PDB file of N, CA and C in Angstrom:
ATOM      1  N   MET A   1      57.702 124.259 154.285  1.00  0.00           N
ATOM      2  CA  MET A   1      57.516 124.815 155.608  1.00  0.00           C
ATOM      3  C   MET A   1      56.185 125.553 155.670  1.00  0.00           C
ATOM      4  N   GLY A   2      55.619 125.604 156.850  1.00  0.00           N
ATOM      5  CA  GLY A   2      54.340 126.275 157.036  1.00  0.00           C
ATOM      6  C   GLY A   2      54.487 127.780 157.096  1.00  0.00           C
ATOM      7  N   LYS A   3      53.364 128.425 157.071  1.00  0.00           N
ATOM      8  CA  LYS A   3      53.363 129.884 157.157  1.00  0.00           C
ATOM      9  C   LYS A   3      53.670 130.327 158.577  1.00  0.00           C
ATOM     10  N   LYS A   4      54.312 131.461 158.667  1.00  0.00           N
ATOM     11  CA  LYS A   4      54.582 132.033 159.989  1.00  0.00           C
ATOM     12  C   LYS A   4      53.297 132.648 160.529  1.00  0.00           C
ATOM     13  N   ALA A   5      53.127 132.554 161.830  1.00  0.00           N
ATOM     14  CA  ALA A   5      51.973 133.178 162.471  1.00  0.00           C
ATOM     15  C   ALA A   5      52.119 134.691 162.386  1.00  0.00           C
ATOM     16  N   ALA A   6      51.008 135.353 162.315  1.00  0.00           N
ATOM     17  CA  ALA A   6      51.028 136.816 162.257  1.00  0.00           C
ATOM     18  C   ALA A   6      51.667 137.365 163.529  1.00  0.00           C
ATOM     19  N   LYS A   7      52.491 138.379 163.378  1.00  0.00           N
ATOM     20  CA  LYS A   7      53.172 138.997 164.514  1.00  0.00           C
ATOM     21  C   LYS A   7      52.182 139.871 165.276  1.00  0.00           C
ATOM     22  N   TRP A   8      52.158 139.714 166.594  1.00  0.00           N
ATOM     23  CA  TRP A   8      51.259 140.524 167.415  1.00  0.00           C
ATOM     24  C   TRP A   8      51.853 141.902 167.573  1.00  0.00           C
ATOM     25  N   ALA A   9      51.144 142.892 167.129  1.00  0.00           N
ATOM     26  CA  ALA A   9      51.569 144.274 167.278  1.00  0.00           C
ATOM     27  C   ALA A   9      50.450 145.013 167.995  1.00  0.00           C
ATOM     28  N   PRO A  10      50.516 145.075 169.320  1.00  0.00           N
ATOM     29  CA  PRO A  10      49.412 145.691 170.070  1.00  0.00           C
ATOM     30  C   PRO A  10      49.302 147.176 169.784  1.00  0.00           C
ATOM     31  N   SER A  11      48.079 147.633 169.754  1.00  0.00           N
ATOM     32  CA  SER A  11      47.851 149.067 169.583  1.00  0.00           C
ATOM     33  C   SER A  11      48.165 149.763 170.904  1.00  0.00           C
ATOM     34  N   LYS A  12      48.284 151.061 170.847  1.00  0.00           N
ATOM     35  CA  LYS A  12      48.545 151.828 172.064  1.00  0.00           C
ATOM     36  C   LYS A  12      47.409 151.617 173.067  1.00  0.00           C
ATOM     37  N   LYS A  13      46.184 151.551 172.567  1.00  0.00           N
ATOM     38  CA  LYS A  13      45.017 151.345 173.430  1.00  0.00           C
ATOM     39  C   LYS A  13      45.089 149.983 174.123  1.00  0.00           C
ATOM     40  N   GLU A  14      45.501 148.937 173.390  1.00  0.00           N
ATOM     41  CA  GLU A  14      45.634 147.604 173.982  1.00  0.00           C
ATOM     42  C   GLU A  14      46.694 147.597 175.082  1.00  0.00           C
ATOM     43  N   LEU A  15      47.830 148.231 174.821  1.00  0.00           N
ATOM     44  CA  LEU A  15      48.897 148.291 175.829  1.00  0.00           C
ATOM     45  C   LEU A  15      48.445 149.032 177.078  1.00  0.00           C
ATOM     46  N   GLU A  16      47.746 150.154 176.868  1.00  0.00           N
ATOM     47  CA  GLU A  16      47.258 150.914 178.021  1.00  0.00           C
ATOM     48  C   GLU A  16      46.310 150.074 178.856  1.00  0.00           C
ATOM     49  N   LYS A  17      45.453 149.292 178.183  1.00  0.00           N
ATOM     50  CA  LYS A  17      44.520 148.432 178.912  1.00  0.00           C
ATOM     51  C   LYS A  17      45.275 147.363 179.704  1.00  0.00           C
ATOM     52  N   ILE A  18      46.289 146.766 179.083  1.00  0.00           N
ATOM     53  CA  ILE A  18      47.098 145.760 179.771  1.00  0.00           C
ATOM     54  C   ILE A  18      47.772 146.364 180.992  1.00  0.00           C
ATOM     55  N   LEU A  19      48.343 147.542 180.832  1.00  0.00           N
ATOM     56  CA  LEU A  19      49.092 148.172 181.923  1.00  0.00           C
ATOM     57  C   LEU A  19      48.191 148.724 183.021  1.00  0.00           C
ATOM     58  N   GLU A  20      46.894 148.912 182.741  1.00  0.00           N
ATOM     59  CA  GLU A  20      45.957 149.415 183.747  1.00  0.00           C
ATOM     60  C   GLU A  20      45.429 148.317 184.667  1.00  0.00           C
ATOM     61  N   ALA A  21      45.668 147.056 184.330  1.00  0.00           N
ATOM     62  CA  ALA A  21      45.164 145.946 185.143  1.00  0.00           C
ATOM     63  C   ALA A  21      45.720 146.049 186.560  1.00  0.00           C
ATOM     64  N   ASP A  22      44.992 145.491 187.515  1.00  0.00           N
ATOM     65  CA  ASP A  22      45.479 145.601 188.891  1.00  0.00           C
ATOM     66  C   ASP A  22      46.742 144.765 189.088  1.00  0.00           C
ATOM     67  N   ASN A  23      47.510 145.106 190.102  1.00  0.00           N
ATOM     68  CA  ASN A  23      48.822 144.497 190.316  1.00  0.00           C
ATOM     69  C   ASN A  23      48.770 142.999 190.560  1.00  0.00           C
ATOM     70  N   SER A  24      47.711 142.487 191.192  1.00  0.00           N
ATOM     71  CA  SER A  24      47.644 141.045 191.439  1.00  0.00           C
ATOM     72  C   SER A  24      47.521 140.289 190.124  1.00  0.00           C
ATOM     73  N   LEU A  25      46.785 140.838 189.175  1.00  0.00           N
ATOM     74  CA  LEU A  25      46.680 140.223 187.853  1.00  0.00           C
ATOM     75  C   LEU A  25      48.043 140.231 187.171  1.00  0.00           C
ATOM     76  N   HIS A  26      48.744 141.354 187.245  1.00  0.00           N
ATOM     77  CA  HIS A  26      50.090 141.441 186.662  1.00  0.00           C
ATOM     78  C   HIS A  26      50.994 140.366 187.241  1.00  0.00           C
ATOM     79  N   ALA A  27      50.973 140.197 188.557  1.00  0.00           N
ATOM     80  CA  ALA A  27      51.847 139.221 189.199  1.00  0.00           C
ATOM     81  C   ALA A  27      51.538 137.811 188.706  1.00  0.00           C
ATOM     82  N   ASP A  28      50.253 137.473 188.603  1.00  0.00           N
ATOM     83  CA  ASP A  28      49.867 136.138 188.127  1.00  0.00           C
ATOM     84  C   ASP A  28      50.337 135.908 186.704  1.00  0.00           C
ATOM     85  N   VAL A  29      50.116 136.887 185.845  1.00  0.00           N
ATOM     86  CA  VAL A  29      50.484 136.749 184.433  1.00  0.00           C
ATOM     87  C   VAL A  29      52.000 136.708 184.282  1.00  0.00           C
ATOM     88  N   LEU A  30      52.701 137.609 184.923  1.00  0.00           N
ATOM     89  CA  LEU A  30      54.145 137.687 184.774  1.00  0.00           C
ATOM     90  C   LEU A  30      54.857 136.459 185.325  1.00  0.00           C
ATOM     91  N   ASP A  31      54.275 135.798 186.316  1.00  0.00           N
ATOM     92  CA  ASP A  31      54.880 134.595 186.887  1.00  0.00           C
ATOM     93  C   ASP A  31      54.543 133.334 186.097  1.00  0.00           C
ATOM     94  N   ASP A  32      53.582 133.422 185.189  1.00  0.00           N
ATOM     95  CA  ASP A  32      53.186 132.262 184.383  1.00  0.00           C
ATOM     96  C   ASP A  32      54.339 131.877 183.463  1.00  0.00           C
ATOM     97  N   GLY A  33      54.731 130.597 183.495  1.00  0.00           N
ATOM     98  CA  GLY A  33      55.855 130.115 182.690  1.00  0.00           C
ATOM     99  C   GLY A  33      55.634 130.223 181.198  1.00  0.00           C
ATOM    100  N   GLN A  34      54.379 130.331 180.759  1.00  0.00           N
ATOM    101  CA  GLN A  34      54.106 130.430 179.329  1.00  0.00           C
ATOM    102  C   GLN A  34      54.145 131.872 178.832  1.00  0.00           C
ATOM    103  N   PHE A  35      54.212 132.828 179.741  1.00  0.00           N
ATOM    104  CA  PHE A  35      54.295 134.233 179.350  1.00  0.00           C
ATOM    105  C   PHE A  35      55.749 134.510 179.006  1.00  0.00           C
ATOM    106  N   MET A  36      56.029 134.732 177.745  1.00  0.00           N
ATOM    107  CA  MET A  36      57.393 134.826 177.229  1.00  0.00           C
ATOM    108  C   MET A  36      58.156 136.026 177.803  1.00  0.00           C
ATOM    109  N   TRP A  37      59.460 135.809 177.941  1.00  0.00           N
ATOM    110  CA  TRP A  37      60.343 136.850 178.449  1.00  0.00           C
ATOM    111  C   TRP A  37      60.250 138.106 177.590  1.00  0.00           C
ATOM    112  N   TYR A  38      60.214 137.947 176.286  1.00  0.00           N
ATOM    113  CA  TYR A  38      60.187 139.114 175.401  1.00  0.00           C
ATOM    114  C   TYR A  38      58.889 139.906 175.570  1.00  0.00           C
ATOM    115  N   GLN A  39      57.792 139.233 175.875  1.00  0.00           N
ATOM    116  CA  GLN A  39      56.540 139.941 176.130  1.00  0.00           C
ATOM    117  C   GLN A  39      56.672 140.804 177.385  1.00  0.00           C
ATOM    118  N   LYS A  40      57.313 140.257 178.413  1.00  0.00           N
ATOM    119  CA  LYS A  40      57.549 141.035 179.627  1.00  0.00           C
ATOM    120  C   LYS A  40      58.424 142.243 179.314  1.00  0.00           C
ATOM    121  N   PHE A  41      59.453 142.009 178.490  1.00  0.00           N
ATOM    122  CA  PHE A  41      60.351 143.083 178.079  1.00  0.00           C
ATOM    123  C   PHE A  41      59.569 144.186 177.369  1.00  0.00           C
ATOM    124  N   LEU A  42      58.677 143.797 176.456  1.00  0.00           N
ATOM    125  CA  LEU A  42      57.888 144.783 175.717  1.00  0.00           C
ATOM    126  C   LEU A  42      56.978 145.593 176.632  1.00  0.00           C
ATOM    127  N   ILE A  43      56.360 144.924 177.592  1.00  0.00           N
ATOM    128  CA  ILE A  43      55.482 145.641 178.520  1.00  0.00           C
ATOM    129  C   ILE A  43      56.273 146.694 179.285  1.00  0.00           C
ATOM    130  N   LEU A  44      57.450 146.313 179.785  1.00  0.00           N
ATOM    131  CA  LEU A  44      58.274 147.281 180.512  1.00  0.00           C
ATOM    132  C   LEU A  44      58.744 148.397 179.600  1.00  0.00           C
ATOM    133  N   GLU A  45      59.144 148.041 178.388  1.00  0.00           N
ATOM    134  CA  GLU A  45      59.624 149.045 177.442  1.00  0.00           C
ATOM    135  C   GLU A  45      58.522 150.031 177.076  1.00  0.00           C
ATOM    136  N   LYS A  46      57.347 149.520 176.763  1.00  0.00           N
ATOM    137  CA  LYS A  46      56.235 150.383 176.345  1.00  0.00           C
ATOM    138  C   LYS A  46      55.684 151.195 177.509  1.00  0.00           C
ATOM    139  N   SER A  47      55.892 150.727 178.733  1.00  0.00           N
ATOM    140  CA  SER A  47      55.428 151.481 179.894  1.00  0.00           C
ATOM    141  C   SER A  47      56.348 152.657 180.201  1.00  0.00           C
ATOM    142  N   GLY A  48      57.525 152.663 179.563  1.00  0.00           N
ATOM    143  CA  GLY A  48      58.486 153.738 179.810  1.00  0.00           C
ATOM    144  C   GLY A  48      59.399 153.470 180.994  1.00  0.00           C
ATOM    145  N   LYS A  49      59.235 152.321 181.656  1.00  0.00           N
ATOM    146  CA  LYS A  49      60.068 152.010 182.821  1.00  0.00           C
ATOM    147  C   LYS A  49      61.446 151.489 182.424  1.00  0.00           C
ATOM    148  N   LEU A  50      61.534 150.850 181.292  1.00  0.00           N
ATOM    149  CA  LEU A  50      62.786 150.228 180.851  1.00  0.00           C
ATOM    150  C   LEU A  50      63.585 151.248 180.047  1.00  0.00           C
ATOM    151  N   LYS A  51      64.711 151.677 180.614  1.00  0.00           N
ATOM    152  CA  LYS A  51      65.500 152.741 179.994  1.00  0.00           C
ATOM    153  C   LYS A  51      66.993 152.476 180.140  1.00  0.00           C
ATOM    154  N   GLY A  52      67.755 153.224 179.395  1.00  0.00           N
ATOM    155  CA  GLY A  52      69.201 153.269 179.544  1.00  0.00           C
ATOM    156  C   GLY A  52      69.899 151.936 179.456  1.00  0.00           C
ATOM    157  N   ASN A  53      70.874 151.747 180.363  1.00  0.00           N
ATOM    158  CA  ASN A  53      71.706 150.548 180.336  1.00  0.00           C
ATOM    159  C   ASN A  53      70.953 149.276 180.725  1.00  0.00           C
ATOM    160  N   VAL A  54      69.894 149.402 181.513  1.00  0.00           N
ATOM    161  CA  VAL A  54      69.096 148.221 181.843  1.00  0.00           C
ATOM    162  C   VAL A  54      68.425 147.719 180.565  1.00  0.00           C
ATOM    163  N   LYS A  55      67.872 148.623 179.795  1.00  0.00           N
ATOM    164  CA  LYS A  55      67.235 148.268 178.525  1.00  0.00           C
ATOM    165  C   LYS A  55      68.261 147.672 177.556  1.00  0.00           C
ATOM    166  N   LYS A  56      69.412 148.312 177.463  1.00  0.00           N
ATOM    167  CA  LYS A  56      70.477 147.833 176.580  1.00  0.00           C
ATOM    168  C   LYS A  56      70.901 146.419 176.973  1.00  0.00           C
ATOM    169  N   ASN A  57      71.150 146.200 178.270  1.00  0.00           N
ATOM    170  CA  ASN A  57      71.572 144.884 178.747  1.00  0.00           C
ATOM    171  C   ASN A  57      70.490 143.831 178.517  1.00  0.00           C
ATOM    172  N   ALA A  58      69.247 144.167 178.812  1.00  0.00           N
ATOM    173  CA  ALA A  58      68.158 143.198 178.637  1.00  0.00           C
ATOM    174  C   ALA A  58      68.068 142.754 177.182  1.00  0.00           C
ATOM    175  N   ARG A  59      68.191 143.688 176.272  1.00  0.00           N
ATOM    176  CA  ARG A  59      68.131 143.355 174.842  1.00  0.00           C
ATOM    177  C   ARG A  59      69.329 142.478 174.450  1.00  0.00           C
ATOM    178  N   LEU A  60      70.527 142.838 174.902  1.00  0.00           N
ATOM    179  CA  LEU A  60      71.725 142.043 174.583  1.00  0.00           C
ATOM    180  C   LEU A  60      71.665 140.640 175.190  1.00  0.00           C
ATOM    181  N   ILE A  61      71.222 140.537 176.433  1.00  0.00           N
ATOM    182  CA  ILE A  61      71.124 139.236 177.092  1.00  0.00           C
ATOM    183  C   ILE A  61      70.153 138.342 176.321  1.00  0.00           C
ATOM    184  N   ASN A  62      69.048 138.893 175.888  1.00  0.00           N
ATOM    185  CA  ASN A  62      68.091 138.113 175.113  1.00  0.00           C
ATOM    186  C   ASN A  62      68.696 137.667 173.781  1.00  0.00           C
ATOM    187  N   GLN A  63      69.446 138.542 173.129  1.00  0.00           N
ATOM    188  CA  GLN A  63      70.089 138.178 171.856  1.00  0.00           C
ATOM    189  C   GLN A  63      71.120 137.068 172.061  1.00  0.00           C
ATOM    190  N   ILE A  64      71.889 137.152 173.133  1.00  0.00           N
ATOM    191  CA  ILE A  64      72.890 136.123 173.437  1.00  0.00           C
ATOM    192  C   ILE A  64      72.189 134.795 173.720  1.00  0.00           C
ATOM    193  N   ARG A  65      71.148 134.841 174.527  1.00  0.00           N
ATOM    194  CA  ARG A  65      70.376 133.627 174.830  1.00  0.00           C
ATOM    195  C   ARG A  65      69.837 132.999 173.554  1.00  0.00           C
ATOM    196  N   ASN A  66      69.308 133.828 172.655  1.00  0.00           N
ATOM    197  CA  ASN A  66      68.767 133.317 171.390  1.00  0.00           C
ATOM    198  C   ASN A  66      69.845 132.667 170.534  1.00  0.00           C
ATOM    199  N   ARG A  67      71.031 133.244 170.518  1.00  0.00           N
ATOM    200  CA  ARG A  67      72.122 132.659 169.725  1.00  0.00           C
ATOM    201  C   ARG A  67      72.462 131.251 170.217  1.00  0.00           C
ATOM    202  N   PHE A  68      72.493 131.071 171.537  1.00  0.00           N
ATOM    203  CA  PHE A  68      72.811 129.762 172.087  1.00  0.00           C
ATOM    204  C   PHE A  68      71.649 128.774 171.940  1.00  0.00           C
ATOM    205  N   SER A  69      70.434 129.250 172.115  1.00  0.00           N
ATOM    206  CA  SER A  69      69.314 128.308 172.142  1.00  0.00           C
ATOM    207  C   SER A  69      68.751 127.972 170.765  1.00  0.00           C
ATOM    208  N   HIS A  70      69.020 128.791 169.759  1.00  0.00           N
ATOM    209  CA  HIS A  70      68.416 128.563 168.444  1.00  0.00           C
ATOM    210  C   HIS A  70      69.412 128.184 167.356  1.00  0.00           C
ATOM    211  N   ARG A  71      70.670 127.998 167.704  1.00  0.00           N
ATOM    212  CA  ARG A  71      71.678 127.632 166.709  1.00  0.00           C
ATOM    213  C   ARG A  71      72.491 126.447 167.209  1.00  0.00           C
ATOM    214  N   LEU A  72      72.777 125.518 166.302  1.00  0.00           N
ATOM    215  CA  LEU A  72      73.608 124.372 166.681  1.00  0.00           C
ATOM    216  C   LEU A  72      75.043 124.793 166.944  1.00  0.00           C
ATOM    217  N   LYS A  73      75.553 125.705 166.122  1.00  0.00           N
ATOM    218  CA  LYS A  73      76.917 126.212 166.293  1.00  0.00           C
ATOM    219  C   LYS A  73      76.854 127.744 166.333  1.00  0.00           C
ATOM    220  N   PRO A  74      76.621 128.285 167.512  1.00  0.00           N
ATOM    221  CA  PRO A  74      76.519 129.749 167.609  1.00  0.00           C
ATOM    222  C   PRO A  74      77.841 130.432 167.257  1.00  0.00           C
ATOM    223  N   ASP A  75      77.745 131.599 166.684  1.00  0.00           N
ATOM    224  CA  ASP A  75      78.912 132.398 166.310  1.00  0.00           C
ATOM    225  C   ASP A  75      79.526 132.982 167.584  1.00  0.00           C
ATOM    226  N   GLU A  76      80.594 132.356 168.049  1.00  0.00           N
ATOM    227  CA  GLU A  76      81.199 132.770 169.315  1.00  0.00           C
ATOM    228  C   GLU A  76      81.768 134.180 169.269  1.00  0.00           C
ATOM    229  N   LYS A  77      82.278 134.596 168.126  1.00  0.00           N
ATOM    230  CA  LYS A  77      82.832 135.956 167.997  1.00  0.00           C
ATOM    231  C   LYS A  77      81.722 136.993 168.171  1.00  0.00           C
ATOM    232  N   ALA A  78      80.559 136.725 167.553  1.00  0.00           N
ATOM    233  CA  ALA A  78      79.428 137.648 167.696  1.00  0.00           C
ATOM    234  C   ALA A  78      78.972 137.717 169.146  1.00  0.00           C
ATOM    235  N   ILE A  79      78.967 136.568 169.819  1.00  0.00           N
ATOM    236  CA  ILE A  79      78.570 136.528 171.231  1.00  0.00           C
ATOM    237  C   ILE A  79      79.580 137.289 172.090  1.00  0.00           C
ATOM    238  N   GLU A  80      80.865 137.110 171.827  1.00  0.00           N
ATOM    239  CA  GLU A  80      81.895 137.861 172.557  1.00  0.00           C
ATOM    240  C   GLU A  80      81.700 139.362 172.380  1.00  0.00           C
ATOM    241  N   ASN A  81      81.380 139.786 171.164  1.00  0.00           N
ATOM    242  CA  ASN A  81      81.144 141.210 170.898  1.00  0.00           C
ATOM    243  C   ASN A  81      79.942 141.724 171.687  1.00  0.00           C
ATOM    244  N   GLN A  82      78.884 140.912 171.766  1.00  0.00           N
ATOM    245  CA  GLN A  82      77.702 141.324 172.527  1.00  0.00           C
ATOM    246  C   GLN A  82      78.011 141.385 174.014  1.00  0.00           C
ATOM    247  N   ILE A  83      78.774 140.432 174.517  1.00  0.00           N
ATOM    248  CA  ILE A  83      79.163 140.452 175.930  1.00  0.00           C
ATOM    249  C   ILE A  83      79.999 141.696 176.222  1.00  0.00           C
ATOM    250  N   ARG A  84      80.870 142.058 175.303  1.00  0.00           N
ATOM    251  CA  ARG A  84      81.704 143.252 175.471  1.00  0.00           C
ATOM    252  C   ARG A  84      80.847 144.516 175.603  1.00  0.00           C
ATOM    253  N   GLU A  85      79.678 144.530 174.955  1.00  0.00           N
ATOM    254  CA  GLU A  85      78.788 145.701 174.987  1.00  0.00           C
ATOM    255  C   GLU A  85      77.981 145.815 176.280  1.00  0.00           C
ATOM    256  N   LEU A  86      77.888 144.723 177.053  1.00  0.00           N
ATOM    257  CA  LEU A  86      77.110 144.749 178.292  1.00  0.00           C
ATOM    258  C   LEU A  86      77.685 145.756 179.283  1.00  0.00           C
ATOM    259  N   GLU A  87      76.793 146.368 180.057  1.00  0.00           N
ATOM    260  CA  GLU A  87      77.182 147.338 181.085  1.00  0.00           C
ATOM    261  C   GLU A  87      77.054 146.692 182.461  1.00  0.00           C
ATOM    262  N   TYR A  88      77.924 147.080 183.407  1.00  0.00           N
ATOM    263  CA  TYR A  88      77.943 146.461 184.732  1.00  0.00           C
ATOM    264  C   TYR A  88      76.811 146.890 185.658  1.00  0.00           C
ATOM    265  N   LEU A  89      76.187 148.003 185.466  1.00  0.00           N
ATOM    266  CA  LEU A  89      75.076 148.488 186.295  1.00  0.00           C
ATOM    267  C   LEU A  89      75.443 148.592 187.771  1.00  0.00           C
ATOM    268  N   GLY A  90      76.625 149.065 188.032  1.00  0.00           N
ATOM    269  CA  GLY A  90      77.051 149.300 189.407  1.00  0.00           C
ATOM    270  C   GLY A  90      77.510 148.081 190.161  1.00  0.00           C
ATOM    271  N   ALA A  91      77.504 146.933 189.529  1.00  0.00           N
ATOM    272  CA  ALA A  91      77.967 145.713 190.205  1.00  0.00           C
ATOM    273  C   ALA A  91      79.485 145.764 190.350  1.00  0.00           C
ATOM    274  N   PRO A  92      80.000 145.314 191.494  1.00  0.00           N
ATOM    275  CA  PRO A  92      81.456 145.317 191.659  1.00  0.00           C
ATOM    276  C   PRO A  92      82.105 144.312 190.711  1.00  0.00           C
ATOM    277  N   HIS A  93      83.263 144.677 190.193  1.00  0.00           N
ATOM    278  CA  HIS A  93      83.987 143.771 189.295  1.00  0.00           C
ATOM    279  C   HIS A  93      85.476 144.083 189.331  1.00  0.00           C
ATOM    280  N   LYS A  94      86.252 143.093 188.947  1.00  0.00           N
ATOM    281  CA  LYS A  94      87.708 143.245 188.890  1.00  0.00           C
ATOM    282  C   LYS A  94      88.099 143.676 187.484  1.00  0.00           C
ATOM    283  N   ASN A  95      89.261 144.264 187.350  1.00  0.00           N
ATOM    284  CA  ASN A  95      89.740 144.660 186.024  1.00  0.00           C
ATOM    285  C   ASN A  95      90.008 143.453 185.132  1.00  0.00           C
ATOM    286  N   SER A  96      90.618 142.403 185.685  1.00  0.00           N
ATOM    287  CA  SER A  96      90.911 141.219 184.882  1.00  0.00           C
ATOM    288  C   SER A  96      89.772 140.223 185.055  1.00  0.00           C
ATOM    289  N   ILE A  97      88.785 140.323 184.205  1.00  0.00           N
ATOM    290  CA  ILE A  97      87.597 139.495 184.317  1.00  0.00           C
ATOM    291  C   ILE A  97      87.377 138.779 182.985  1.00  0.00           C
ATOM    292  N   THR A  98      86.985 137.528 183.032  1.00  0.00           N
ATOM    293  CA  THR A  98      86.751 136.803 181.778  1.00  0.00           C
ATOM    294  C   THR A  98      85.406 137.222 181.198  1.00  0.00           C
ATOM    295  N   LYS A  99      85.220 136.913 179.907  1.00  0.00           N
ATOM    296  CA  LYS A  99      83.970 137.310 179.253  1.00  0.00           C
ATOM    297  C   LYS A  99      82.759 136.671 179.926  1.00  0.00           C
ATOM    298  N   PHE A 100      82.898 135.413 180.364  1.00  0.00           N
ATOM    299  CA  PHE A 100      81.751 134.746 180.969  1.00  0.00           C
ATOM    300  C   PHE A 100      81.481 135.243 182.382  1.00  0.00           C
ATOM    301  N   GLU A 101      82.523 135.678 183.090  1.00  0.00           N
ATOM    302  CA  GLU A 101      82.303 136.299 184.398  1.00  0.00           C
ATOM    303  C   GLU A 101      81.557 137.618 184.215  1.00  0.00           C
ATOM    304  N   LYS A 102      81.962 138.373 183.204  1.00  0.00           N
ATOM    305  CA  LYS A 102      81.268 139.633 182.923  1.00  0.00           C
ATOM    306  C   LYS A 102      79.811 139.359 182.590  1.00  0.00           C
ATOM    307  N   TYR A 103      79.558 138.360 181.763  1.00  0.00           N
ATOM    308  CA  TYR A 103      78.192 138.019 181.384  1.00  0.00           C
ATOM    309  C   TYR A 103      77.369 137.667 182.625  1.00  0.00           C
ATOM    310  N   ARG A 104      77.925 136.823 183.497  1.00  0.00           N
ATOM    311  CA  ARG A 104      77.227 136.399 184.715  1.00  0.00           C
ATOM    312  C   ARG A 104      76.894 137.595 185.603  1.00  0.00           C
ATOM    313  N   ILE A 105      77.872 138.462 185.826  1.00  0.00           N
ATOM    314  CA  ILE A 105      77.666 139.641 186.670  1.00  0.00           C
ATOM    315  C   ILE A 105      76.608 140.563 186.064  1.00  0.00           C
ATOM    316  N   CYS A 106      76.696 140.777 184.762  1.00  0.00           N
ATOM    317  CA  CYS A 106      75.748 141.672 184.092  1.00  0.00           C
ATOM    318  C   CYS A 106      74.336 141.098 184.074  1.00  0.00           C
ATOM    319  N   VAL A 107      74.204 139.791 183.911  1.00  0.00           N
ATOM    320  CA  VAL A 107      72.879 139.157 183.939  1.00  0.00           C
ATOM    321  C   VAL A 107      72.264 139.321 185.326  1.00  0.00           C
ATOM    322  N   ILE A 108      73.044 139.041 186.357  1.00  0.00           N
ATOM    323  CA  ILE A 108      72.529 139.157 187.728  1.00  0.00           C
ATOM    324  C   ILE A 108      72.104 140.590 188.026  1.00  0.00           C
ATOM    325  N   SER A 109      72.950 141.558 187.699  1.00  0.00           N
ATOM    326  CA  SER A 109      72.612 142.950 188.019  1.00  0.00           C
ATOM    327  C   SER A 109      71.445 143.453 187.173  1.00  0.00           C
ATOM    328  N   THR A 110      71.365 143.007 185.919  1.00  0.00           N
ATOM    329  CA  THR A 110      70.262 143.438 185.046  1.00  0.00           C
ATOM    330  C   THR A 110      68.939 142.860 185.532  1.00  0.00           C
ATOM    331  N   PHE A 111      68.926 141.562 185.850  1.00  0.00           N
ATOM    332  CA  PHE A 111      67.673 140.956 186.315  1.00  0.00           C
ATOM    333  C   PHE A 111      67.273 141.459 187.688  1.00  0.00           C
ATOM    334  N   THR A 112      68.230 141.848 188.511  1.00  0.00           N
ATOM    335  CA  THR A 112      67.913 142.468 189.790  1.00  0.00           C
ATOM    336  C   THR A 112      67.164 143.778 189.557  1.00  0.00           C
ATOM    337  N   GLU A 113      67.650 144.572 188.599  1.00  0.00           N
ATOM    338  CA  GLU A 113      66.981 145.828 188.258  1.00  0.00           C
ATOM    339  C   GLU A 113      65.607 145.584 187.640  1.00  0.00           C
ATOM    340  N   LEU A 114      65.497 144.577 186.780  1.00  0.00           N
ATOM    341  CA  LEU A 114      64.203 144.255 186.153  1.00  0.00           C
ATOM    342  C   LEU A 114      63.177 143.818 187.210  1.00  0.00           C
ATOM    343  N   GLU A 115      63.597 143.047 188.199  1.00  0.00           N
ATOM    344  CA  GLU A 115      62.697 142.615 189.264  1.00  0.00           C
ATOM    345  C   GLU A 115      62.145 143.808 190.037  1.00  0.00           C
ATOM    346  N   LYS A 116      62.980 144.814 190.245  1.00  0.00           N
ATOM    347  CA  LYS A 116      62.516 146.027 190.939  1.00  0.00           C
ATOM    348  C   LYS A 116      61.421 146.720 190.147  1.00  0.00           C
ATOM    349  N   MET A 117      61.511 146.662 188.813  1.00  0.00           N
ATOM    350  CA  MET A 117      60.521 147.318 187.953  1.00  0.00           C
ATOM    351  C   MET A 117      59.194 146.576 187.953  1.00  0.00           C
ATOM    352  N   LEU A 118      59.255 145.261 188.099  1.00  0.00           N
ATOM    353  CA  LEU A 118      58.034 144.455 188.072  1.00  0.00           C
ATOM    354  C   LEU A 118      57.416 144.430 189.449  1.00  0.00           C
TER     355      LEU A 118
END
């Protein structure tokens, strides 16, 4: 197997420069399909905007997505545990809800909150 590419670890100065760009540039970059979701997550996290249950849900949703997309046989028990940890973020829900309904509701409410931040 080949060597792994070096991990990008931006300095504080680099992040500040990225975050100082004008909003139209941000919109173009953030809407680009090649700009990875995790990079967007990092920008929000490092800007201090991503906090609390929104941050927790975003991290869990990404982990769940990775389990499904990068494994032939994802560990369903681990995924169920991660879904159980998700927070509703004020979305209405019933007491008797399936794990996948909870996941769907939490994804929608989390991404709604993330869109407000961007």
